[in-house]
Amino acid sequence: MKSVAIVGATGYTGQELQKLLARHPHLEAKLLMSSRDGSSAKGHATQDNIEPLNPARFDEVDGVFLCTPHGKASALAAAALAAGKMVVDLSADFRLRDPQLFQDTYGDVHAAPELLDCAVYGLTEHHRSEIQNATLVANPGCYPTSILLPLLPLLGHDLLDLTAPLIADSKSGVSGAGKQPNERTHYGNVHENFLAYGIGSHRHAPEIAQELGQPIVFTPHLLPTFRGIFSTIYVTPVADSNADAMRNCLMEQYRSEPFVQVYEHGSPELQNVQHSNECHISVHDSGPLVVITSAIDNLVKGASGQALQNMNVMLGLQEAAGLK
């Protein structure tokens, strides 16, 4: 039995990891830590077994999950790596490879730029061989996961006309904003309401463009639901391509992948992916464009589930353990 520490165990992603690890046959959550020190951690904890932050205890486990706000994970990752542990960071600290882009996007100077070169971007289905040899994995953002999984194979097979814009119209449940309450995610402002936000300025846009190697028009929306992401992606096919060719490409790419399902008919729905580590994808012709829909659970495939998938790979465990 291998063991891990969860730092930030009281947040949504930390709590989701606990649920997943509770059914894992070969990996246990040995240490549950707040991302806060001392008495402030005790005041914040919602479980009796949550301990204050103590990086010295990383010696007791095989791996560390960092479920912390951006900016805080860097020093903790350095401490865990110095102790010889595998690290999966669920924050944004190691997703962007350029420290200046990180500063421009998040407003802070990167605290550990020397670690950026060794961090592997953890989109498991596309970086599995790198993750197998990694000690530090940057878990992708939830919106990027829903967009990259359908688009990367199509770009790789030159099926998209890149003289036309790539457009992603994405919607997320309120849990994507994290556990800390704010006016925008207050029940009274979300119930029976719908809106776009971060238009042209959302922090996930640079991450998506970095991994695609292409600019993208990305607009997020807030759904009056707790969990789930639904992305509608508009692309222009090259002259000899269409929805059938793109669907066949995706079906072939993900044929042996346990967590990606490409629909032959119909379209995904949030209720079909909630509480699962799956991404469901459909492809449809729509006039001169092809419309791709993609659905995930933002807390599982978009965060904790994908993080566990990556840790399983890093520790040499069965990839789907705890997730199926």
Protein backbone atom coordinates (compact mmCIF):
# COMPACT_ATOMS: atom_id res chain seq x y z
CA MET A 1 0.00 0.00 0.00
CA LYS A 2 1.41 3.38 -1.04
CA SER A 3 0.41 6.63 0.63
CA VAL A 4 -0.03 10.29 -0.18
CA ALA A 5 -0.49 13.64 1.53
CA ILE A 6 -3.25 16.01 0.45
CA VAL A 7 -2.41 19.64 1.12
CA GLY A 8 -5.55 21.76 0.98
CA ALA A 9 -7.71 18.85 2.05
CA THR A 10 -10.66 21.02 3.10
CA GLY A 11 -11.27 22.54 -0.35
CA TYR A 12 -13.49 21.05 -3.05
CA THR A 13 -10.64 19.30 -4.88
CA GLY A 14 -9.08 18.05 -1.64
CA GLN A 15 -12.41 16.63 -0.51
CA GLU A 16 -12.95 15.00 -3.91
CA LEU A 17 -9.52 13.36 -3.69
CA GLN A 18 -10.41 11.92 -0.31
CA LYS A 19 -13.53 10.30 -1.77
CA LEU A 20 -11.57 8.79 -4.66
CA LEU A 21 -8.75 7.51 -2.46
CA ALA A 22 -11.22 5.92 -0.04
CA ARG A 23 -12.00 3.33 -2.74
CA HIS A 24 -8.44 2.99 -4.09
CA PRO A 25 -7.05 -0.54 -3.59
CA HIS A 26 -3.37 0.44 -3.46
CA LEU A 27 -3.13 4.10 -2.41
CA GLU A 28 -4.26 5.76 0.80
CA ALA A 29 -4.52 9.34 2.01
CA LYS A 30 -2.19 9.10 5.00
CA LEU A 31 -1.87 12.83 5.69
CA LEU A 32 -4.64 15.39 5.31
CA MET A 33 -3.30 18.90 5.70
CA SER A 34 -4.77 22.35 5.55
CA SER A 35 -2.95 24.81 3.30
CA ARG A 36 -2.74 27.01 6.41
CA ASP A 37 -0.31 26.93 9.32
CA GLY A 38 -1.04 26.56 13.03
CA SER A 39 -4.19 27.82 14.69
CA SER A 40 -5.63 29.32 11.51
CA ALA A 41 -5.69 25.82 10.02
CA LYS A 42 -7.66 24.47 12.98
CA GLY A 43 -10.19 27.27 12.65
CA HIS A 44 -10.58 26.53 8.96
CA ALA A 45 -10.77 22.72 9.20
CA THR A 46 -14.12 21.00 8.76
CA GLN A 47 -12.80 17.53 9.70
CA ASP A 48 -11.15 16.35 12.90
CA ASN A 49 -8.33 14.62 11.00
CA ILE A 50 -7.16 17.75 9.14
CA GLU A 51 -3.70 18.80 10.34
CA PRO A 52 -1.96 22.17 10.00
CA LEU A 53 0.46 22.51 7.12
CA ASN A 54 3.76 20.76 7.90
CA PRO A 55 6.01 20.05 4.89
CA ALA A 56 8.46 18.19 7.16
CA ARG A 57 5.98 15.31 7.24
CA PHE A 58 6.23 14.74 3.48
CA ASP A 59 8.92 12.19 4.39
CA GLU A 60 6.12 9.87 5.57
CA VAL A 61 4.41 9.43 2.19
CA ASP A 62 5.14 8.43 -1.41
CA GLY A 63 3.39 11.30 -3.11
CA VAL A 64 1.91 14.75 -2.47
CA PHE A 65 -1.20 16.36 -3.94
CA LEU A 66 -1.16 20.16 -3.77
CA CYS A 67 -4.72 21.51 -3.72
CA THR A 68 -3.70 25.05 -2.85
CA PRO A 69 -4.34 28.52 -4.28
CA HIS A 70 -1.98 29.58 -7.06
CA GLY A 71 1.28 31.01 -5.77
CA LYS A 72 1.35 28.82 -2.67
CA ALA A 73 2.12 25.51 -4.36
CA SER A 74 5.59 26.40 -5.63
CA ALA A 75 7.43 26.33 -2.28
CA LEU A 76 5.53 23.21 -1.19
CA ALA A 77 6.41 21.45 -4.44
CA ALA A 78 10.07 22.30 -3.91
CA ALA A 79 9.94 20.86 -0.37
CA ALA A 80 8.25 17.65 -1.52
CA LEU A 81 10.67 17.18 -4.41
CA ALA A 82 13.62 17.74 -2.06
CA ALA A 83 12.21 14.92 0.07
CA GLY A 84 12.17 12.67 -3.02
CA LYS A 85 8.39 12.57 -3.38
CA MET A 86 6.12 12.54 -6.44
CA VAL A 87 4.10 15.75 -6.73
CA VAL A 88 0.86 16.51 -8.55
CA ASP A 89 0.02 20.20 -8.35
CA LEU A 90 -3.66 21.04 -8.88
CA SER A 91 -3.00 24.79 -8.78
CA ALA A 92 -1.83 26.86 -11.75
CA ASP A 93 1.77 27.29 -10.58
CA PHE A 94 3.43 24.95 -13.08
CA ARG A 95 0.99 24.92 -16.02
CA LEU A 96 2.49 27.88 -17.87
CA ARG A 97 6.05 27.24 -19.00
CA ASP A 98 7.00 30.91 -19.31
CA PRO A 99 7.45 32.62 -15.90
CA GLN A 100 6.71 36.01 -17.46
CA LEU A 101 3.43 34.69 -18.87
CA PHE A 102 2.59 33.36 -15.41
CA GLN A 103 3.26 36.80 -13.92
CA ASP A 104 1.20 38.52 -16.61
CA THR A 105 -1.67 36.06 -16.11
CA TYR A 106 -1.76 35.69 -12.34
CA GLY A 107 -0.20 38.96 -11.22
CA ASP A 108 2.58 37.40 -9.15
CA VAL A 109 6.26 36.72 -9.76
CA HIS A 110 6.74 32.95 -10.04
CA ALA A 111 8.19 31.64 -6.78
CA ALA A 112 10.08 28.66 -8.27
CA PRO A 113 10.89 29.29 -11.95
CA GLU A 114 13.74 26.77 -11.73
CA LEU A 115 11.14 23.97 -11.48
CA LEU A 116 9.20 24.91 -14.62
CA ASP A 117 11.45 22.92 -16.94
CA CYS A 118 10.94 19.70 -15.00
CA ALA A 119 7.16 20.03 -14.68
CA VAL A 120 5.13 17.85 -17.06
CA TYR A 121 1.72 19.05 -18.19
CA GLY A 122 -0.63 16.37 -16.89
CA LEU A 123 -3.14 15.80 -19.68
CA THR A 124 -2.72 12.07 -19.17
CA GLU A 125 -4.01 10.83 -22.51
CA HIS A 126 -1.45 12.95 -24.36
CA HIS A 127 1.57 12.95 -22.03
CA ARG A 128 1.45 9.51 -20.44
CA SER A 129 5.02 8.51 -21.29
CA GLU A 130 6.39 11.78 -19.88
CA ILE A 131 4.25 11.45 -16.75
CA GLN A 132 5.63 7.94 -16.14
CA ASN A 133 9.09 9.46 -15.71
CA ALA A 134 8.03 12.71 -14.02
CA THR A 135 8.42 13.77 -10.40
CA LEU A 136 6.34 16.95 -10.82
CA VAL A 137 3.08 17.08 -12.78
CA ALA A 138 1.08 20.24 -13.43
CA ASN A 139 -2.53 19.11 -13.40
CA PRO A 140 -4.43 20.87 -16.21
CA GLY A 141 -7.19 23.37 -15.59
CA CYS A 142 -10.79 22.20 -15.89
CA TYR A 143 -11.76 24.33 -18.89
CA PRO A 144 -8.53 23.43 -20.75
CA THR A 145 -9.15 19.70 -20.21
CA SER A 146 -12.57 19.92 -21.84
CA ILE A 147 -11.15 21.81 -24.83
CA LEU A 148 -7.75 20.16 -25.36
CA LEU A 149 -8.99 16.56 -25.40
CA PRO A 150 -11.13 17.09 -28.53
CA LEU A 151 -8.87 19.59 -30.30
CA LEU A 152 -5.36 18.16 -29.93
CA PRO A 153 -5.92 15.09 -32.16
CA LEU A 154 -7.60 17.21 -34.84
CA LEU A 155 -4.67 19.63 -34.88
CA GLY A 156 -2.23 16.72 -34.93
CA HIS A 157 -3.90 15.29 -38.03
CA ASP A 158 -4.18 18.68 -39.82
CA LEU A 159 -7.97 18.56 -40.04
CA LEU A 160 -8.55 22.19 -39.02
CA ASP A 161 -8.31 25.32 -41.15
CA LEU A 162 -6.11 27.51 -38.97
CA THR A 163 -6.74 30.63 -41.05
CA ALA A 164 -10.13 30.69 -39.30
CA PRO A 165 -10.48 31.23 -35.54
CA LEU A 166 -10.90 28.39 -33.07
CA ILE A 167 -13.82 29.28 -30.78
CA ALA A 168 -14.64 27.64 -27.45
CA ASP A 169 -17.87 28.58 -25.70
CA SER A 170 -17.63 26.91 -22.27
CA LYS A 171 -19.92 26.68 -19.24
CA SER A 172 -19.00 25.64 -15.70
CA GLY A 173 -20.79 24.90 -12.46
CA VAL A 174 -20.05 27.17 -9.50
CA SER A 175 -17.64 24.71 -7.84
CA GLY A 176 -15.10 25.74 -10.47
CA ALA A 177 -14.65 28.99 -8.54
CA GLY A 178 -13.49 27.10 -5.43
CA LYS A 179 -14.88 26.86 -1.93
CA GLN A 180 -14.20 30.41 -0.79
CA PRO A 181 -17.57 32.23 -1.05
CA ASN A 182 -17.90 35.41 -3.06
CA GLU A 183 -20.70 37.63 -4.31
CA ARG A 184 -20.63 36.23 -7.84
CA THR A 185 -21.13 32.60 -6.74
CA HIS A 186 -23.64 33.35 -3.96
CA TYR A 187 -26.77 31.21 -4.36
CA GLY A 188 -29.01 34.23 -4.78
CA ASN A 189 -26.91 35.49 -7.71
CA VAL A 190 -26.56 32.11 -9.43
CA HIS A 191 -30.03 30.59 -9.04
CA GLU A 192 -32.07 30.96 -12.26
CA ASN A 193 -29.30 33.09 -13.73
CA PHE A 194 -26.72 32.64 -16.53
CA LEU A 195 -23.84 34.84 -17.61
CA ALA A 196 -20.51 35.05 -19.40
CA TYR A 197 -17.45 36.26 -17.48
CA GLY A 198 -13.75 36.84 -18.03
CA ILE A 199 -14.41 37.59 -21.70
CA GLY A 200 -11.04 37.91 -23.42
CA SER A 201 -9.21 37.82 -20.10
CA HIS A 202 -9.80 34.47 -18.39
CA ARG A 203 -6.70 32.92 -16.83
CA HIS A 204 -7.17 29.60 -18.61
CA ALA A 205 -6.92 31.14 -22.08
CA PRO A 206 -3.06 31.32 -22.10
CA GLU A 207 -2.90 27.72 -20.88
CA ILE A 208 -5.18 26.51 -23.67
CA ALA A 209 -3.29 28.47 -26.34
CA GLN A 210 0.07 27.20 -25.02
CA GLU A 211 -0.97 23.55 -25.30
CA LEU A 212 -2.70 23.96 -28.66
CA GLY A 213 0.14 26.00 -30.10
CA GLN A 214 -2.63 28.18 -31.55
CA PRO A 215 -4.64 31.19 -30.38
CA ILE A 216 -8.23 30.53 -29.38
CA VAL A 217 -11.31 32.63 -28.70
CA PHE A 218 -12.38 31.34 -25.29
CA THR A 219 -15.46 32.55 -23.43
CA PRO A 220 -16.44 30.97 -20.08
CA HIS A 221 -19.94 31.08 -18.60
CA LEU A 222 -21.33 30.36 -15.13
CA LEU A 223 -24.03 27.70 -14.94
CA PRO A 224 -26.59 27.56 -12.11
CA THR A 225 -25.30 24.07 -11.19
CA PHE A 226 -22.70 22.86 -8.71
CA ARG A 227 -20.47 20.65 -10.88
CA GLY A 228 -19.75 20.02 -14.54
CA ILE A 229 -18.26 21.72 -17.60
CA PHE A 230 -19.83 21.76 -21.05
CA SER A 231 -17.75 23.17 -23.92
CA THR A 232 -19.12 23.91 -27.38
CA ILE A 233 -16.23 24.34 -29.81
CA TYR A 234 -16.56 25.83 -33.30
CA VAL A 235 -13.92 24.94 -35.90
CA THR A 236 -13.52 25.31 -39.64
CA PRO A 237 -12.49 22.11 -41.43
CA VAL A 238 -9.83 22.01 -44.12
CA ALA A 239 -11.16 21.55 -47.64
CA ASP A 240 -11.21 17.73 -47.61
CA SER A 241 -12.43 17.33 -44.02
CA ASN A 242 -15.82 17.29 -42.28
CA ALA A 243 -17.47 16.12 -39.07
CA ASP A 244 -17.25 12.46 -40.08
CA ALA A 245 -13.50 12.69 -40.63
CA MET A 246 -13.02 14.49 -37.31
CA ARG A 247 -15.20 12.02 -35.44
CA ASN A 248 -13.28 9.09 -36.92
CA CYS A 249 -10.00 10.74 -35.94
CA LEU A 250 -11.15 11.17 -32.34
CA MET A 251 -12.59 7.66 -32.13
CA GLU A 252 -9.31 6.21 -33.34
CA GLN A 253 -7.24 8.42 -31.01
CA TYR A 254 -9.23 7.46 -27.93
CA ARG A 255 -10.27 3.92 -28.81
CA SER A 256 -8.21 2.37 -26.01
CA GLU A 257 -8.56 5.23 -23.51
CA PRO A 258 -10.74 4.31 -20.50
CA PHE A 259 -11.87 7.84 -19.72
CA VAL A 260 -12.67 9.40 -23.10
CA GLN A 261 -15.84 8.46 -24.96
CA VAL A 262 -16.50 9.76 -28.48
CA TYR A 263 -20.17 9.57 -29.48
CA GLU A 264 -21.11 8.07 -32.82
CA HIS A 265 -24.56 9.67 -32.50
CA GLY A 266 -26.10 12.25 -30.20
CA SER A 267 -24.46 14.73 -27.87
CA PRO A 268 -23.09 14.60 -24.30
CA GLU A 269 -24.99 15.85 -21.27
CA LEU A 270 -23.60 16.95 -17.92
CA GLN A 271 -25.61 14.33 -16.04
CA ASN A 272 -23.76 11.59 -17.94
CA VAL A 273 -20.32 12.68 -16.71
CA GLN A 274 -20.96 14.14 -13.25
CA HIS A 275 -19.12 12.24 -10.48
CA SER A 276 -16.98 10.46 -13.10
CA ASN A 277 -13.48 10.84 -14.55
CA GLU A 278 -14.82 10.71 -18.10
CA CYS A 279 -14.81 13.16 -20.97
CA HIS A 280 -17.64 12.71 -23.49
CA ILE A 281 -17.26 14.21 -26.97
CA SER A 282 -19.51 14.59 -30.01
CA VAL A 283 -18.87 16.06 -33.48
CA HIS A 284 -21.49 17.56 -35.83
CA ASP A 285 -21.54 19.34 -39.18
CA SER A 286 -23.17 22.77 -38.98
CA GLY A 287 -23.10 24.64 -42.27
CA PRO A 288 -19.50 25.60 -43.09
CA LEU A 289 -18.38 24.81 -39.55
CA VAL A 290 -17.97 21.72 -37.43
CA VAL A 291 -19.38 21.92 -33.91
CA ILE A 292 -17.75 19.79 -31.19
CA THR A 293 -19.31 19.34 -27.78
CA SER A 294 -17.35 18.13 -24.79
CA ALA A 295 -18.52 17.42 -21.23
CA ILE A 296 -16.58 16.65 -18.05
CA ASP A 297 -17.01 16.91 -14.29
CA ASN A 298 -14.82 19.89 -13.36
CA LEU A 299 -14.02 18.41 -9.93
CA VAL A 300 -13.09 14.95 -11.23
CA LYS A 301 -11.72 14.81 -14.80
CA GLY A 302 -11.13 18.56 -14.56
CA ALA A 303 -9.23 18.32 -11.27
CA SER A 304 -9.02 15.55 -8.65
CA GLY A 305 -9.77 12.56 -10.87
CA GLN A 306 -7.18 13.55 -13.45
CA ALA A 307 -4.74 14.26 -10.59
CA LEU A 308 -5.24 10.73 -9.26
CA GLN A 309 -4.92 9.34 -12.78
CA ASN A 310 -1.56 11.09 -13.03
CA MET A 311 -0.38 9.98 -9.58
CA ASN A 312 -1.31 6.38 -10.44
CA VAL A 313 0.91 6.61 -13.53
CA MET A 314 3.77 8.23 -11.60
CA LEU A 315 3.71 5.60 -8.86
CA GLY A 316 3.43 2.67 -11.31
CA LEU A 317 -0.10 1.77 -10.23
CA GLN A 318 -2.99 0.75 -12.46
CA GLU A 319 -4.07 4.02 -14.12
CA ALA A 320 -7.80 3.61 -13.52
CA ALA A 321 -7.46 2.51 -9.88
CA GLY A 322 -9.87 4.42 -7.68
CA LEU A 323 -11.50 5.96 -10.73
CA LYS A 324 -13.65 3.20 -12.22
